[in-house]
C-alpha cells in the first residue's frame, strides 16, 4: 500500500519529483540549500539588518521594502539558472544515471518562470499591483524548490532511479499476478 501511495505521489507534476528521493538525500540537500541560499541572500539580509538597526524601521517594513518585485525577479532568475542547466545536462546529454521523474515538467516551468522574470523585471505594473507581487513571491519560492531538487539530484549519485522504478514495476506485477 505504501508503494502504491508513493507511486501516485510521484505522478503529481512538479511536486511529485521530491518523492523520488530517499529521505537521507532530501535531508542532505536541504542543509546544502539552506547554506547556499543564505550565502546568496546576504545582500538582502544585510539590507534588512541595516534598515532595522540603523534606520530604526520595523522588521516587517524593512522586509517588505527590501523584497520588492524587482529583487524577487533577479533572485528567481539566479536560482533558475542552475535548474535549467541541470535539466539540459540530464535530459539532452543523458548520463548513465537517469534523471529524476518529472524533470521535463521542472525544466518547462523553470524556463517559463525565467522568461516571465525577464519580461516582468522592468514592468511597472508588477511593482504596483499586489496580486502580481504575490505571484512573484510564489514564483520565487517555487524556484527555490526547483533549486532544492537539483541539489538533491546532485546528492543522489549512488541512487539509481531506473533500478528503483524497475523494483516498483516488479512489485506491482507480483501483486497483480498473485491477486
Protein backbone atom coordinates (compact mmCIF):
# COMPACT_ATOMS: atom_id res chain seq x y z
CA UNK A 1 0.00 0.00 0.00
CA UNK A 2 2.87 2.40 0.84
CA UNK A 3 4.50 1.85 -2.54
CA UNK A 4 1.20 2.49 -4.33
CA UNK A 5 0.74 5.79 -2.49
CA UNK A 6 4.35 6.71 -3.23
CA UNK A 7 3.86 5.85 -6.91
CA UNK A 8 0.72 8.00 -7.08
CA UNK A 9 2.50 10.88 -5.32
CA UNK A 10 5.39 10.68 -7.80
CA UNK A 11 2.95 11.24 -10.69
CA UNK A 12 1.97 14.75 -9.50
CA UNK A 13 3.61 17.22 -11.90
CA UNK A 14 6.32 19.40 -10.30
CA UNK A 15 5.72 18.26 -6.73
CA UNK A 16 5.89 14.50 -7.22
CA UNK A 17 9.59 14.69 -8.06
CA UNK A 18 10.54 15.11 -4.43
CA UNK A 19 9.13 11.64 -3.65
CA UNK A 20 11.70 10.00 -5.93
CA UNK A 21 14.48 10.78 -3.45
CA UNK A 22 15.29 8.95 -0.25
CA UNK A 23 14.85 10.89 2.98
CA UNK A 24 18.59 10.95 3.70
CA UNK A 25 19.19 12.57 0.29
CA UNK A 26 16.47 15.17 0.93
CA UNK A 27 17.93 15.96 4.35
CA UNK A 28 21.41 16.48 2.89
CA UNK A 29 20.02 18.59 0.03
CA UNK A 30 18.01 20.74 2.43
CA UNK A 31 21.05 21.51 4.55
CA UNK A 32 23.02 22.43 1.42
CA UNK A 33 20.16 24.58 0.12
CA UNK A 34 19.94 26.49 3.40
CA UNK A 35 23.66 27.28 3.37
CA UNK A 36 23.77 28.27 -0.30
CA UNK A 37 20.51 30.25 -0.09
CA UNK A 38 21.76 32.12 2.99
CA UNK A 39 25.05 32.97 1.31
CA UNK A 40 23.36 34.13 -1.89
CA UNK A 41 20.82 36.16 0.10
CA UNK A 42 23.39 38.05 2.18
CA UNK A 43 22.76 41.34 0.33
CA UNK A 44 19.07 41.12 1.26
CA UNK A 45 19.86 40.06 4.83
CA UNK A 46 22.35 42.92 5.30
CA UNK A 47 19.88 45.44 3.86
CA UNK A 48 17.16 44.29 6.26
CA UNK A 49 19.56 44.37 9.24
CA UNK A 50 20.71 47.85 8.26
CA UNK A 51 17.13 49.10 7.96
CA UNK A 52 16.13 47.64 11.32
CA UNK A 53 19.16 48.72 13.36
CA UNK A 54 20.37 51.91 11.70
CA UNK A 55 17.21 53.35 10.18
CA UNK A 56 15.04 52.05 13.04
CA UNK A 57 12.39 50.56 10.80
CA UNK A 58 10.31 47.64 11.94
CA UNK A 59 11.33 44.23 10.65
CA UNK A 60 8.12 43.86 8.60
CA UNK A 61 8.59 47.24 6.89
CA UNK A 62 12.27 46.52 6.21
CA UNK A 63 11.38 43.11 4.77
CA UNK A 64 8.65 44.48 2.52
CA UNK A 65 10.85 47.34 1.31
CA UNK A 66 13.75 45.02 0.55
CA UNK A 67 11.85 42.12 -1.03
CA UNK A 68 10.27 44.10 -3.82
CA UNK A 69 9.24 42.62 -7.14
CA UNK A 70 12.47 43.63 -8.89
CA UNK A 71 14.65 41.88 -6.30
CA UNK A 72 12.47 38.77 -6.44
CA UNK A 73 12.76 38.65 -10.24
CA UNK A 74 16.56 38.91 -10.03
CA UNK A 75 16.86 36.18 -7.41
CA UNK A 76 14.37 33.97 -9.22
CA UNK A 77 16.46 34.19 -12.39
CA UNK A 78 19.61 33.42 -10.40
CA UNK A 79 18.02 30.35 -8.77
CA UNK A 80 16.59 29.06 -12.05
CA UNK A 81 19.85 29.18 -14.00
CA UNK A 82 21.33 26.07 -12.30
CA UNK A 83 17.96 24.32 -12.55
CA UNK A 84 17.78 24.85 -16.29
CA UNK A 85 21.40 23.76 -16.73
CA UNK A 86 20.81 20.55 -14.76
CA UNK A 87 17.77 19.76 -16.84
CA UNK A 88 19.69 20.31 -20.07
CA UNK A 89 22.63 18.30 -18.74
CA UNK A 90 20.45 15.38 -17.61
CA UNK A 91 17.92 15.28 -20.45
CA UNK A 92 19.73 16.49 -23.56
CA UNK A 93 23.07 14.93 -22.66
CA UNK A 94 21.93 11.93 -20.61
CA UNK A 95 24.44 10.22 -18.38
CA UNK A 96 24.32 6.60 -17.32
CA UNK A 97 22.05 7.52 -14.43
CA UNK A 98 18.57 8.64 -15.43
CA UNK A 99 17.16 11.98 -14.35
CA UNK A 100 14.61 12.15 -11.58
CA UNK A 101 10.93 11.74 -12.52
CA UNK A 102 9.23 14.95 -13.57
CA UNK A 103 12.41 16.70 -14.72
CA UNK A 104 10.77 17.71 -18.01
CA UNK A 105 7.96 19.48 -16.12
CA UNK A 106 10.53 21.20 -13.90
CA UNK A 107 12.51 22.29 -16.97
CA UNK A 108 9.47 23.69 -18.80
CA UNK A 109 8.17 25.50 -15.73
CA UNK A 110 11.60 26.91 -14.86
CA UNK A 111 12.05 28.15 -18.42
CA UNK A 112 8.60 29.82 -18.38
CA UNK A 113 9.39 31.40 -14.99
CA UNK A 114 12.71 32.67 -16.35
CA UNK A 115 11.00 34.25 -19.36
CA UNK A 116 8.33 35.72 -17.09
CA UNK A 117 11.03 37.17 -14.82
CA UNK A 118 12.80 38.74 -17.79
CA UNK A 119 9.55 40.20 -19.11
CA UNK A 120 8.33 41.45 -15.75
CA UNK A 121 11.65 42.77 -14.45
CA UNK A 122 11.15 46.33 -15.66
CA UNK A 123 7.38 46.31 -15.97
CA UNK A 124 5.97 48.95 -13.62
CA UNK A 125 2.53 47.35 -13.27
CA UNK A 126 4.15 44.47 -11.35
CA UNK A 127 5.56 46.81 -8.73
CA UNK A 128 2.23 48.46 -8.03
CA UNK A 129 -0.15 45.53 -8.19
CA UNK A 130 -0.45 43.42 -5.01
CA UNK A 131 -1.63 40.34 -6.89
CA UNK A 132 1.47 40.40 -9.12
CA UNK A 133 3.63 40.79 -6.03
CA UNK A 134 2.11 37.61 -4.60
CA UNK A 135 2.57 35.82 -7.94
CA UNK A 136 6.21 36.91 -8.00
CA UNK A 137 6.74 35.71 -4.43
CA UNK A 138 5.17 32.35 -5.32
CA UNK A 139 7.47 32.03 -8.34
CA UNK A 140 10.43 32.88 -6.08
CA UNK A 141 9.58 30.06 -3.66
CA UNK A 142 8.95 27.61 -6.49
CA UNK A 143 12.35 28.48 -7.95
CA UNK A 144 13.86 27.66 -4.54
CA UNK A 145 12.03 24.32 -4.61
CA UNK A 146 13.35 23.58 -8.11
CA UNK A 147 16.84 24.53 -6.93
CA UNK A 148 16.37 22.13 -3.99
CA UNK A 149 15.53 19.33 -6.44
CA UNK A 150 18.70 19.98 -8.44
CA UNK A 151 20.75 19.85 -5.24
CA UNK A 152 19.01 16.61 -4.25
CA UNK A 153 19.79 15.19 -7.68
CA UNK A 154 23.47 16.05 -7.24
CA UNK A 155 23.46 14.46 -3.75
CA UNK A 156 21.89 11.34 -5.16
CA UNK A 157 24.85 9.93 -7.10
CA UNK A 158 24.62 6.46 -5.56
CA UNK A 159 20.87 6.03 -6.12
CA UNK A 160 19.66 4.70 -9.46
CA UNK A 161 16.15 5.80 -10.42
CA UNK A 162 15.91 3.17 -13.14
CA UNK A 163 16.59 0.34 -10.67
CA UNK A 164 14.12 1.85 -8.23
CA UNK A 165 11.44 2.09 -10.92
CA UNK A 166 12.08 -1.50 -12.02
CA UNK A 167 11.75 -2.69 -8.42
CA UNK A 168 8.39 -0.92 -8.21
CA UNK A 169 7.30 -2.49 -11.51
CA UNK A 170 8.31 -5.97 -10.32
CA UNK A 171 6.43 -5.46 -7.06
CA UNK A 172 3.37 -4.30 -8.99
CA UNK A 173 3.49 -7.27 -11.37
CA UNK A 174 3.83 -9.67 -8.42
CA UNK A 175 0.79 -8.14 -6.72
CA UNK A 176 -1.30 -8.25 -9.90
CA UNK A 177 -0.36 -11.83 -10.82
CA UNK A 178 -0.75 -13.14 -7.27
CA UNK A 179 -4.12 -11.46 -6.88
